[in-house]
Structures are given as structure tokens and as C-alpha cells.
N, C-alpha and C. Protein backbone atom coordinates (compact mmCIF):
# COMPACT_ATOMS: atom_id res chain seq x y z
N ILE A 1 -1.82 -17.67 10.07
CA ILE A 1 -3.01 -16.83 10.18
C ILE A 1 -3.19 -16.08 8.87
N GLN A 2 -4.42 -16.08 8.37
CA GLN A 2 -4.75 -15.30 7.18
C GLN A 2 -5.64 -14.14 7.61
N PHE A 3 -5.09 -12.92 7.59
CA PHE A 3 -5.87 -11.75 7.95
C PHE A 3 -6.85 -11.43 6.83
N SER A 4 -7.94 -10.72 7.20
CA SER A 4 -8.99 -10.41 6.24
C SER A 4 -9.46 -8.97 6.42
N ASN A 5 -10.36 -8.55 5.55
CA ASN A 5 -10.92 -7.20 5.63
C ASN A 5 -11.65 -6.98 6.94
N GLU A 6 -12.26 -8.02 7.50
CA GLU A 6 -12.95 -7.89 8.77
C GLU A 6 -11.98 -7.50 9.89
N ASP A 7 -10.73 -7.93 9.78
CA ASP A 7 -9.72 -7.54 10.77
C ASP A 7 -9.46 -6.03 10.73
N ILE A 8 -9.52 -5.45 9.55
CA ILE A 8 -9.32 -3.99 9.42
C ILE A 8 -10.34 -3.27 10.30
N PHE A 9 -11.61 -3.66 10.15
CA PHE A 9 -12.69 -2.99 10.89
C PHE A 9 -12.58 -3.27 12.39
N ALA A 10 -12.17 -4.47 12.76
CA ALA A 10 -12.00 -4.81 14.18
C ALA A 10 -10.88 -3.98 14.79
N LEU A 11 -9.79 -3.81 14.07
CA LEU A 11 -8.66 -3.02 14.59
C LEU A 11 -9.01 -1.54 14.71
N LYS A 12 -9.79 -1.03 13.77
CA LYS A 12 -10.18 0.38 13.82
C LYS A 12 -11.06 0.69 15.04
N LYS A 13 -11.74 -0.31 15.59
CA LYS A 13 -12.62 -0.12 16.75
C LYS A 13 -11.86 -0.06 18.07
N ILE A 14 -10.60 -0.44 18.08
CA ILE A 14 -9.83 -0.46 19.31
C ILE A 14 -9.52 0.97 19.74
N LYS A 15 -9.83 1.26 20.99
CA LYS A 15 -9.60 2.59 21.53
C LYS A 15 -8.10 2.89 21.51
N GLY A 16 -7.75 4.02 20.92
CA GLY A 16 -6.35 4.42 20.83
C GLY A 16 -5.74 4.18 19.46
N VAL A 17 -6.37 3.37 18.63
CA VAL A 17 -5.87 3.14 17.27
C VAL A 17 -6.30 4.31 16.39
N GLN A 18 -5.33 4.98 15.80
CA GLN A 18 -5.62 6.14 14.96
C GLN A 18 -5.63 5.77 13.47
N TYR A 19 -4.68 4.94 13.04
CA TYR A 19 -4.58 4.56 11.64
C TYR A 19 -4.41 3.05 11.52
N VAL A 20 -5.10 2.47 10.54
CA VAL A 20 -4.92 1.06 10.20
C VAL A 20 -4.72 1.00 8.69
N CYS A 21 -3.57 0.48 8.28
CA CYS A 21 -3.28 0.34 6.86
C CYS A 21 -3.08 -1.14 6.54
N PRO A 22 -4.05 -1.76 5.85
CA PRO A 22 -3.85 -3.15 5.41
C PRO A 22 -2.75 -3.19 4.36
N ARG A 23 -1.96 -4.26 4.36
CA ARG A 23 -0.83 -4.37 3.44
C ARG A 23 -0.90 -5.68 2.67
N LEU A 24 -0.73 -5.59 1.36
CA LEU A 24 -0.63 -6.75 0.47
C LEU A 24 0.48 -6.45 -0.53
N ASN A 25 1.46 -7.31 -0.62
CA ASN A 25 2.54 -7.11 -1.58
C ASN A 25 2.50 -8.19 -2.64
N MET A 26 2.83 -7.78 -3.85
CA MET A 26 3.04 -8.72 -4.95
C MET A 26 4.42 -8.42 -5.51
N SER A 27 5.25 -9.42 -5.61
CA SER A 27 6.58 -9.21 -6.17
C SER A 27 7.01 -10.48 -6.91
N GLY A 28 8.21 -10.47 -7.42
CA GLY A 28 8.73 -11.65 -8.12
C GLY A 28 8.29 -11.69 -9.55
N ASP A 29 7.13 -12.30 -9.80
CA ASP A 29 6.69 -12.47 -11.19
C ASP A 29 5.75 -11.35 -11.65
N VAL A 30 5.79 -10.20 -10.97
CA VAL A 30 4.97 -9.06 -11.39
C VAL A 30 5.76 -8.28 -12.43
N VAL A 31 5.23 -8.23 -13.64
CA VAL A 31 5.89 -7.51 -14.72
C VAL A 31 5.11 -6.21 -14.96
N ILE A 32 5.84 -5.11 -14.93
CA ILE A 32 5.26 -3.79 -15.14
C ILE A 32 5.73 -3.29 -16.50
N ASN A 33 4.79 -2.90 -17.36
CA ASN A 33 5.12 -2.41 -18.69
C ASN A 33 4.67 -0.97 -18.86
N TYR A 34 5.49 -0.22 -19.56
CA TYR A 34 5.11 1.10 -20.05
C TYR A 34 5.58 1.16 -21.50
N LYS A 35 4.63 1.13 -22.39
CA LYS A 35 4.93 1.08 -23.83
C LYS A 35 5.91 -0.06 -24.12
N ASP A 36 7.13 0.25 -24.60
CA ASP A 36 8.06 -0.83 -24.97
C ASP A 36 9.06 -1.16 -23.86
N LYS A 37 8.90 -0.57 -22.69
CA LYS A 37 9.82 -0.84 -21.58
C LYS A 37 9.11 -1.67 -20.52
N ASN A 38 9.89 -2.48 -19.81
CA ASN A 38 9.30 -3.26 -18.73
C ASN A 38 10.32 -3.49 -17.63
N GLY A 39 9.81 -3.89 -16.49
CA GLY A 39 10.67 -4.17 -15.35
C GLY A 39 9.89 -4.94 -14.30
N SER A 40 10.61 -5.45 -13.32
CA SER A 40 9.99 -6.17 -12.22
C SER A 40 10.12 -5.31 -10.96
N PHE A 41 8.98 -4.92 -10.42
CA PHE A 41 8.94 -4.05 -9.26
C PHE A 41 7.99 -4.64 -8.22
N VAL A 42 8.02 -4.09 -7.02
CA VAL A 42 7.12 -4.54 -5.97
C VAL A 42 5.83 -3.74 -6.05
N LEU A 43 4.72 -4.45 -6.14
CA LEU A 43 3.40 -3.85 -6.16
C LEU A 43 2.85 -3.94 -4.75
N LYS A 44 2.48 -2.80 -4.16
CA LYS A 44 2.06 -2.76 -2.77
C LYS A 44 0.63 -2.24 -2.66
N GLY A 45 -0.24 -3.08 -2.12
CA GLY A 45 -1.62 -2.68 -1.87
C GLY A 45 -1.72 -2.06 -0.49
N VAL A 46 -2.23 -0.83 -0.44
CA VAL A 46 -2.33 -0.07 0.81
C VAL A 46 -3.62 0.76 0.79
N ASN A 47 -3.83 1.53 1.87
CA ASN A 47 -4.94 2.48 1.86
C ASN A 47 -4.43 3.89 2.12
N GLU A 48 -5.37 4.81 2.30
CA GLU A 48 -5.02 6.22 2.44
C GLU A 48 -4.28 6.55 3.74
N SER A 49 -4.18 5.62 4.67
CA SER A 49 -3.48 5.85 5.94
C SER A 49 -1.96 5.76 5.81
N LEU A 50 -1.45 5.13 4.77
CA LEU A 50 -0.01 4.89 4.69
C LEU A 50 0.85 6.15 4.85
N PRO A 51 0.52 7.28 4.23
CA PRO A 51 1.39 8.45 4.39
C PRO A 51 1.54 8.92 5.85
N HIS A 52 0.57 8.60 6.69
CA HIS A 52 0.66 8.95 8.11
C HIS A 52 1.60 8.01 8.86
N LEU A 53 1.79 6.82 8.32
CA LEU A 53 2.58 5.78 8.98
C LEU A 53 3.98 5.66 8.40
N GLU A 54 4.11 5.89 7.11
CA GLU A 54 5.38 5.84 6.40
C GLU A 54 5.43 7.06 5.47
N PRO A 55 5.79 8.21 6.02
CA PRO A 55 5.75 9.42 5.19
C PRO A 55 6.61 9.32 3.94
N LYS A 56 6.11 9.94 2.90
CA LYS A 56 6.80 10.01 1.61
C LYS A 56 6.66 11.43 1.09
N THR A 57 7.55 11.82 0.23
CA THR A 57 7.41 13.12 -0.43
C THR A 57 6.68 12.90 -1.74
N ILE A 58 5.46 13.41 -1.82
CA ILE A 58 4.71 13.31 -3.07
C ILE A 58 5.31 14.36 -4.01
N THR A 59 5.87 13.90 -5.11
CA THR A 59 6.55 14.81 -6.04
C THR A 59 5.62 15.34 -7.13
N ARG A 60 4.57 14.59 -7.45
CA ARG A 60 3.56 15.02 -8.42
C ARG A 60 2.25 14.33 -8.06
N GLY A 61 1.15 15.02 -8.31
CA GLY A 61 -0.16 14.40 -8.11
C GLY A 61 -0.52 14.20 -6.66
N ARG A 62 -1.03 13.00 -6.36
CA ARG A 62 -1.60 12.73 -5.04
C ARG A 62 -1.34 11.29 -4.63
N PHE A 63 -1.74 10.96 -3.40
CA PHE A 63 -1.67 9.59 -2.92
C PHE A 63 -3.05 8.96 -3.05
N ILE A 64 -3.14 7.69 -2.77
CA ILE A 64 -4.41 6.96 -2.79
C ILE A 64 -5.35 7.60 -1.78
N ASN A 65 -6.64 7.67 -2.13
CA ASN A 65 -7.62 8.22 -1.20
C ASN A 65 -8.75 7.21 -0.95
N ALA A 66 -9.65 7.57 -0.03
CA ALA A 66 -10.73 6.66 0.36
C ALA A 66 -11.63 6.30 -0.82
N PHE A 67 -11.85 7.25 -1.73
CA PHE A 67 -12.69 6.99 -2.91
C PHE A 67 -12.06 5.91 -3.79
N ASP A 68 -10.73 5.96 -3.95
CA ASP A 68 -10.03 4.94 -4.74
C ASP A 68 -10.27 3.55 -4.16
N ILE A 69 -10.24 3.46 -2.82
CA ILE A 69 -10.45 2.18 -2.13
C ILE A 69 -11.89 1.71 -2.34
N LYS A 70 -12.82 2.60 -2.03
CA LYS A 70 -14.25 2.25 -2.12
C LYS A 70 -14.65 1.79 -3.52
N GLU A 71 -14.11 2.46 -4.52
CA GLU A 71 -14.50 2.19 -5.91
C GLU A 71 -13.57 1.21 -6.63
N ASN A 72 -12.59 0.61 -5.90
CA ASN A 72 -11.63 -0.32 -6.52
C ASN A 72 -10.98 0.29 -7.76
N LYS A 73 -10.58 1.54 -7.64
CA LYS A 73 -9.98 2.26 -8.77
C LYS A 73 -8.65 1.63 -9.16
N LYS A 74 -8.41 1.58 -10.44
CA LYS A 74 -7.13 1.08 -10.97
C LYS A 74 -6.21 2.29 -11.17
N VAL A 75 -5.72 2.76 -10.01
CA VAL A 75 -4.81 3.90 -9.98
C VAL A 75 -3.53 3.47 -9.28
N CYS A 76 -2.45 4.21 -9.50
CA CYS A 76 -1.20 3.87 -8.83
C CYS A 76 -0.38 5.12 -8.53
N ILE A 77 0.48 4.97 -7.54
CA ILE A 77 1.44 5.97 -7.14
C ILE A 77 2.80 5.32 -7.34
N VAL A 78 3.67 5.97 -8.06
CA VAL A 78 4.89 5.35 -8.56
C VAL A 78 6.13 5.99 -7.95
N GLY A 79 7.07 5.15 -7.51
CA GLY A 79 8.34 5.63 -6.98
C GLY A 79 9.21 6.21 -8.08
N GLU A 80 10.04 7.17 -7.70
CA GLU A 80 10.91 7.85 -8.67
C GLU A 80 11.82 6.89 -9.42
N SER A 81 12.31 5.84 -8.78
CA SER A 81 13.20 4.89 -9.46
C SER A 81 12.46 4.13 -10.57
N VAL A 82 11.19 3.85 -10.36
CA VAL A 82 10.38 3.19 -11.39
C VAL A 82 10.30 4.11 -12.61
N LEU A 83 10.07 5.38 -12.35
CA LEU A 83 9.97 6.35 -13.45
C LEU A 83 11.27 6.43 -14.24
N GLU A 84 12.40 6.45 -13.54
CA GLU A 84 13.71 6.54 -14.20
C GLU A 84 13.96 5.36 -15.13
N ILE A 85 13.44 4.20 -14.75
CA ILE A 85 13.65 2.99 -15.56
C ILE A 85 12.63 2.89 -16.70
N LEU A 86 11.35 3.11 -16.40
CA LEU A 86 10.31 2.89 -17.40
C LEU A 86 10.00 4.08 -18.29
N MET A 87 10.16 5.28 -17.78
CA MET A 87 9.78 6.45 -18.57
C MET A 87 10.72 7.63 -18.31
N PRO A 88 12.00 7.44 -18.60
CA PRO A 88 12.98 8.49 -18.31
C PRO A 88 12.75 9.81 -19.05
N GLN A 89 12.12 9.76 -20.21
CA GLN A 89 11.93 10.96 -21.00
C GLN A 89 10.61 11.68 -20.68
N ILE A 90 9.76 11.09 -19.87
CA ILE A 90 8.46 11.69 -19.55
C ILE A 90 8.62 12.68 -18.40
N LYS A 91 8.30 13.95 -18.64
CA LYS A 91 8.44 14.99 -17.61
C LYS A 91 7.35 14.91 -16.55
N ASN A 92 6.11 14.66 -16.99
CA ASN A 92 5.00 14.56 -16.05
C ASN A 92 4.20 13.30 -16.37
N PRO A 93 4.38 12.23 -15.58
CA PRO A 93 3.72 10.96 -15.87
C PRO A 93 2.26 10.88 -15.40
N ILE A 94 1.76 11.91 -14.74
CA ILE A 94 0.38 11.87 -14.26
C ILE A 94 -0.56 11.70 -15.45
N GLY A 95 -1.44 10.70 -15.33
CA GLY A 95 -2.38 10.41 -16.42
C GLY A 95 -1.90 9.33 -17.37
N GLU A 96 -0.61 8.98 -17.30
CA GLU A 96 -0.08 7.87 -18.10
C GLU A 96 -0.54 6.55 -17.47
N TYR A 97 -0.45 5.47 -18.23
CA TYR A 97 -0.87 4.16 -17.74
C TYR A 97 0.28 3.17 -17.71
N LEU A 98 0.36 2.43 -16.61
CA LEU A 98 1.28 1.30 -16.51
C LEU A 98 0.46 0.03 -16.65
N GLN A 99 1.05 -0.96 -17.29
CA GLN A 99 0.39 -2.26 -17.42
C GLN A 99 1.04 -3.20 -16.40
N VAL A 100 0.20 -3.74 -15.51
CA VAL A 100 0.67 -4.64 -14.46
C VAL A 100 0.05 -6.01 -14.71
N ASN A 101 0.90 -6.97 -15.11
CA ASN A 101 0.40 -8.32 -15.44
C ASN A 101 -0.85 -8.24 -16.34
N GLY A 102 -0.81 -7.36 -17.32
CA GLY A 102 -1.89 -7.26 -18.30
C GLY A 102 -3.01 -6.31 -17.93
N VAL A 103 -2.98 -5.70 -16.75
CA VAL A 103 -4.04 -4.80 -16.30
C VAL A 103 -3.48 -3.37 -16.26
N TYR A 104 -4.25 -2.42 -16.80
CA TYR A 104 -3.78 -1.04 -16.86
C TYR A 104 -4.15 -0.25 -15.60
N PHE A 105 -3.16 0.50 -15.09
CA PHE A 105 -3.33 1.36 -13.92
C PHE A 105 -2.92 2.77 -14.29
N LYS A 106 -3.78 3.73 -13.96
CA LYS A 106 -3.51 5.14 -14.24
C LYS A 106 -2.61 5.72 -13.14
N ILE A 107 -1.54 6.39 -13.54
CA ILE A 107 -0.65 7.03 -12.58
C ILE A 107 -1.31 8.32 -12.09
N VAL A 108 -1.57 8.40 -10.77
CA VAL A 108 -2.17 9.60 -10.18
C VAL A 108 -1.19 10.34 -9.28
N GLY A 109 -0.04 9.72 -9.02
CA GLY A 109 0.95 10.38 -8.17
C GLY A 109 2.31 9.73 -8.29
N THR A 110 3.34 10.49 -7.92
CA THR A 110 4.70 9.97 -7.87
C THR A 110 5.28 10.38 -6.52
N PHE A 111 6.28 9.63 -6.06
CA PHE A 111 6.85 9.93 -4.75
C PHE A 111 8.34 9.65 -4.69
N LYS A 112 8.96 10.26 -3.69
CA LYS A 112 10.33 9.99 -3.30
C LYS A 112 10.28 9.50 -1.87
N SER A 113 11.09 8.52 -1.58
CA SER A 113 11.18 8.03 -0.21
C SER A 113 11.94 9.03 0.64
N ILE A 114 11.52 9.15 1.89
CA ILE A 114 12.28 10.00 2.81
C ILE A 114 13.19 9.14 3.70
N LYS A 115 13.15 7.83 3.47
CA LYS A 115 14.02 6.93 4.22
C LYS A 115 15.47 7.21 3.86
N LYS A 116 16.34 7.01 4.80
CA LYS A 116 17.76 7.25 4.57
C LYS A 116 18.56 5.95 4.56
N ASP A 117 17.94 4.86 4.92
CA ASP A 117 18.65 3.59 5.04
C ASP A 117 18.44 2.72 3.81
N TRP A 118 18.71 1.44 3.96
CA TRP A 118 18.58 0.49 2.85
C TRP A 118 17.17 0.43 2.30
N GLY A 119 16.17 0.80 3.10
CA GLY A 119 14.79 0.74 2.67
C GLY A 119 14.41 1.78 1.63
N ALA A 120 15.22 2.84 1.51
CA ALA A 120 14.91 3.91 0.56
C ALA A 120 14.90 3.39 -0.88
N LYS A 121 15.89 2.59 -1.23
CA LYS A 121 15.97 2.07 -2.60
C LYS A 121 14.77 1.19 -2.92
N GLU A 122 14.45 0.27 -2.01
CA GLU A 122 13.29 -0.60 -2.23
C GLU A 122 12.01 0.21 -2.33
N ASP A 123 11.87 1.19 -1.44
CA ASP A 123 10.67 2.01 -1.43
C ASP A 123 10.48 2.72 -2.77
N GLN A 124 11.54 3.30 -3.30
CA GLN A 124 11.43 4.05 -4.55
C GLN A 124 11.27 3.14 -5.77
N GLN A 125 11.46 1.84 -5.59
CA GLN A 125 11.20 0.89 -6.67
C GLN A 125 9.84 0.22 -6.49
N SER A 126 8.97 0.90 -5.76
CA SER A 126 7.64 0.36 -5.46
C SER A 126 6.56 1.12 -6.22
N ILE A 127 5.46 0.43 -6.38
CA ILE A 127 4.26 1.01 -6.97
C ILE A 127 3.12 0.71 -5.99
N TYR A 128 2.46 1.76 -5.53
CA TYR A 128 1.35 1.60 -4.59
C TYR A 128 0.03 1.65 -5.33
N ILE A 129 -0.86 0.71 -4.98
CA ILE A 129 -2.22 0.72 -5.52
C ILE A 129 -3.18 0.48 -4.35
N PRO A 130 -4.47 0.80 -4.53
CA PRO A 130 -5.43 0.56 -3.45
C PRO A 130 -5.49 -0.94 -3.10
N TYR A 131 -5.47 -1.23 -1.79
CA TYR A 131 -5.48 -2.64 -1.37
C TYR A 131 -6.70 -3.37 -1.90
N ALA A 132 -7.85 -2.70 -1.95
CA ALA A 132 -9.07 -3.35 -2.44
C ALA A 132 -8.94 -3.72 -3.91
N THR A 133 -8.20 -2.94 -4.66
CA THR A 133 -7.99 -3.21 -6.08
C THR A 133 -7.06 -4.41 -6.27
N ILE A 134 -6.00 -4.49 -5.47
CA ILE A 134 -5.10 -5.65 -5.56
C ILE A 134 -5.86 -6.92 -5.19
N GLN A 135 -6.78 -6.80 -4.21
CA GLN A 135 -7.59 -7.96 -3.81
C GLN A 135 -8.47 -8.43 -4.96
N SER A 136 -9.21 -7.52 -5.56
CA SER A 136 -10.18 -7.92 -6.58
C SER A 136 -9.55 -8.22 -7.94
N THR A 137 -8.46 -7.56 -8.27
CA THR A 137 -7.86 -7.71 -9.59
C THR A 137 -6.91 -8.90 -9.70
N PHE A 138 -6.22 -9.21 -8.59
CA PHE A 138 -5.18 -10.24 -8.65
C PHE A 138 -5.48 -11.45 -7.77
N GLY A 139 -6.77 -11.77 -7.58
CA GLY A 139 -7.17 -13.00 -6.90
C GLY A 139 -6.80 -13.06 -5.42
N GLN A 140 -6.80 -11.93 -4.76
CA GLN A 140 -6.48 -11.89 -3.32
C GLN A 140 -7.72 -11.50 -2.51
N ILE A 141 -8.88 -11.95 -2.94
CA ILE A 141 -10.15 -11.55 -2.33
C ILE A 141 -10.11 -11.73 -0.82
N ASN A 142 -10.41 -10.65 -0.11
CA ASN A 142 -10.52 -10.63 1.35
C ASN A 142 -9.23 -11.06 2.06
N LYS A 143 -8.09 -10.91 1.41
CA LYS A 143 -6.81 -11.26 2.03
C LYS A 143 -6.03 -10.01 2.39
N VAL A 144 -5.41 -10.05 3.57
CA VAL A 144 -4.49 -9.00 4.01
C VAL A 144 -3.26 -9.71 4.52
N HIS A 145 -2.09 -9.30 4.08
CA HIS A 145 -0.85 -9.95 4.51
C HIS A 145 -0.41 -9.50 5.89
N TRP A 146 -0.46 -8.19 6.14
CA TRP A 146 -0.13 -7.65 7.45
C TRP A 146 -0.68 -6.24 7.55
N PHE A 147 -0.49 -5.61 8.71
CA PHE A 147 -1.01 -4.26 8.96
C PHE A 147 0.09 -3.33 9.42
N SER A 148 -0.04 -2.07 9.05
CA SER A 148 0.71 -0.99 9.69
C SER A 148 -0.33 -0.24 10.51
N ILE A 149 -0.01 0.02 11.76
CA ILE A 149 -0.98 0.62 12.67
C ILE A 149 -0.35 1.81 13.38
N GLY A 150 -1.09 2.91 13.47
CA GLY A 150 -0.65 4.10 14.20
C GLY A 150 -1.53 4.30 15.42
N ILE A 151 -0.92 4.66 16.51
CA ILE A 151 -1.63 4.82 17.79
C ILE A 151 -1.66 6.30 18.15
N GLU A 152 -2.79 6.73 18.67
CA GLU A 152 -2.94 8.12 19.09
C GLU A 152 -1.93 8.45 20.18
N ASP A 153 -1.38 9.66 20.13
CA ASP A 153 -0.36 10.08 21.09
C ASP A 153 -0.81 9.99 22.55
N ALA A 154 -2.07 10.25 22.81
CA ALA A 154 -2.57 10.31 24.18
C ALA A 154 -2.69 8.92 24.84
N PHE A 155 -2.46 7.86 24.10
CA PHE A 155 -2.64 6.50 24.62
C PHE A 155 -1.30 5.82 24.88
N ASP A 156 -1.32 4.88 25.80
CA ASP A 156 -0.14 4.07 26.11
C ASP A 156 0.02 3.04 24.99
N SER A 157 1.09 3.17 24.22
CA SER A 157 1.27 2.32 23.04
C SER A 157 1.36 0.84 23.41
N LYS A 158 1.97 0.52 24.54
CA LYS A 158 2.09 -0.89 24.97
C LYS A 158 0.71 -1.48 25.26
N GLN A 159 -0.15 -0.70 25.90
CA GLN A 159 -1.50 -1.19 26.20
C GLN A 159 -2.31 -1.40 24.91
N VAL A 160 -2.21 -0.44 24.01
CA VAL A 160 -2.96 -0.55 22.75
C VAL A 160 -2.41 -1.72 21.93
N GLU A 161 -1.09 -1.88 21.92
CA GLU A 161 -0.49 -3.02 21.21
C GLU A 161 -1.02 -4.34 21.77
N GLN A 162 -1.12 -4.43 23.09
CA GLN A 162 -1.63 -5.67 23.70
C GLN A 162 -3.08 -5.91 23.31
N GLU A 163 -3.86 -4.85 23.25
CA GLU A 163 -5.27 -4.97 22.83
C GLU A 163 -5.36 -5.42 21.37
N ILE A 164 -4.47 -4.91 20.54
CA ILE A 164 -4.42 -5.34 19.13
C ILE A 164 -4.11 -6.83 19.06
N ARG A 165 -3.10 -7.25 19.81
CA ARG A 165 -2.73 -8.68 19.83
C ARG A 165 -3.89 -9.54 20.31
N ASN A 166 -4.53 -9.12 21.40
CA ASN A 166 -5.65 -9.88 21.95
C ASN A 166 -6.80 -9.98 20.95
N THR A 167 -7.08 -8.87 20.29
CA THR A 167 -8.17 -8.86 19.31
C THR A 167 -7.88 -9.84 18.17
N LEU A 168 -6.67 -9.80 17.63
CA LEU A 168 -6.33 -10.69 16.52
C LEU A 168 -6.24 -12.15 16.98
N LYS A 169 -5.74 -12.38 18.17
CA LYS A 169 -5.70 -13.77 18.71
C LYS A 169 -7.12 -14.32 18.83
N GLN A 170 -8.01 -13.52 19.38
CA GLN A 170 -9.39 -13.97 19.56
C GLN A 170 -10.08 -14.19 18.22
N ARG A 171 -9.89 -13.28 17.28
CA ARG A 171 -10.54 -13.40 15.97
C ARG A 171 -10.04 -14.62 15.21
N HIS A 172 -8.77 -15.00 15.41
CA HIS A 172 -8.18 -16.10 14.65
C HIS A 172 -7.93 -17.34 15.50
N LYS A 173 -8.51 -17.33 16.69
CA LYS A 173 -8.47 -18.50 17.59
C LYS A 173 -7.05 -18.99 17.82
N VAL A 174 -6.20 -18.05 18.24
CA VAL A 174 -4.80 -18.37 18.56
C VAL A 174 -4.71 -18.53 20.08
N ALA A 175 -4.14 -19.62 20.50
CA ALA A 175 -4.01 -19.86 21.96
C ALA A 175 -3.02 -18.87 22.55
N PRO A 176 -3.23 -18.52 23.82
CA PRO A 176 -2.31 -17.57 24.48
C PRO A 176 -0.96 -18.07 24.57
């Protein structure tokens, strides 16, 4: 199944769904440069809902917002481990630019993971950019790899989950 932007809007219409965060990851051959330093990190396309679903401590600046998504802004939020590797001497990286596969992204925020398990290291070696920007800039037009979804407290999560499954099955013609 190849999820699309239309799935985002369909999921947001489901009663009880509070947050929908489309997810697109690029890793492996993604080279991130800052001046004369470089490294290979995970580039994650998300929207403004992610902090509600996977909380992080914003250490400087801000997270991605709806305007960044709408305008396909080339902005990024950088994990502390990325900063330690690429710009250890920079006290405040806000406003600096990272080059991602030849494309420049302005750093608008930095974060620390609040995870305590094995995921903390991976999280802090991540760079978040608006999902719409990853789609348009890196040839992923109208593609979504998966979703993170938050359900309103007042709703039965099992029922809402089943409605999400039914909606995606119907949209993608998956047999029961």
C-alpha cells in the first residue's frame, strides 16, 4: 500500500482522531553537510502534530509549524547528537544552514529526546523537516510512508483504531 496526502485528510475526518502526523524517512545515502563537516543521519518528514505524539524537549528555537508545511519551507529541527558531530563549536545554531543532498535547510530549532530506551540515540541523530518539503524536494510527491495518530481521550481507542483500519482498507481496496 502506498499512502498519500489524501489519506491524511481522510484520517483527520474520523471522529475521535485528534492528531495525524504523516511520516516519511530518508536514510542511508542521505549526506548532511555543515561547512567542512558531514555525516549520515536520518531525515524525517513530519508535521506540526509530532510533538503531541512523540514529545521532545525543544532546547532552542521551535518545532515545525503549519505555515512551514503549507509553504514547503526548507527548515529543519536538529537533534543534539547531530549538533555535537557537525557543529560542536557553535553555541546557537538557530539560523545556520545544513546542506542535505545538495539542498540547504535553515535550522529553526534543536531538540533532545525524552526517550530513555534504545530509541533515544536514534532520535537525537535525526533531523526533522516538513513532510511536504521532503515530498517536493526529494521526489516523494504525494507519498506517505506511515502515520502516527493520536486519539482524543474521550473516545474508545479500539473503536477509533478499527475505524482508521476500515478507512484505509476501503481507500486502498484491501480485502477484509
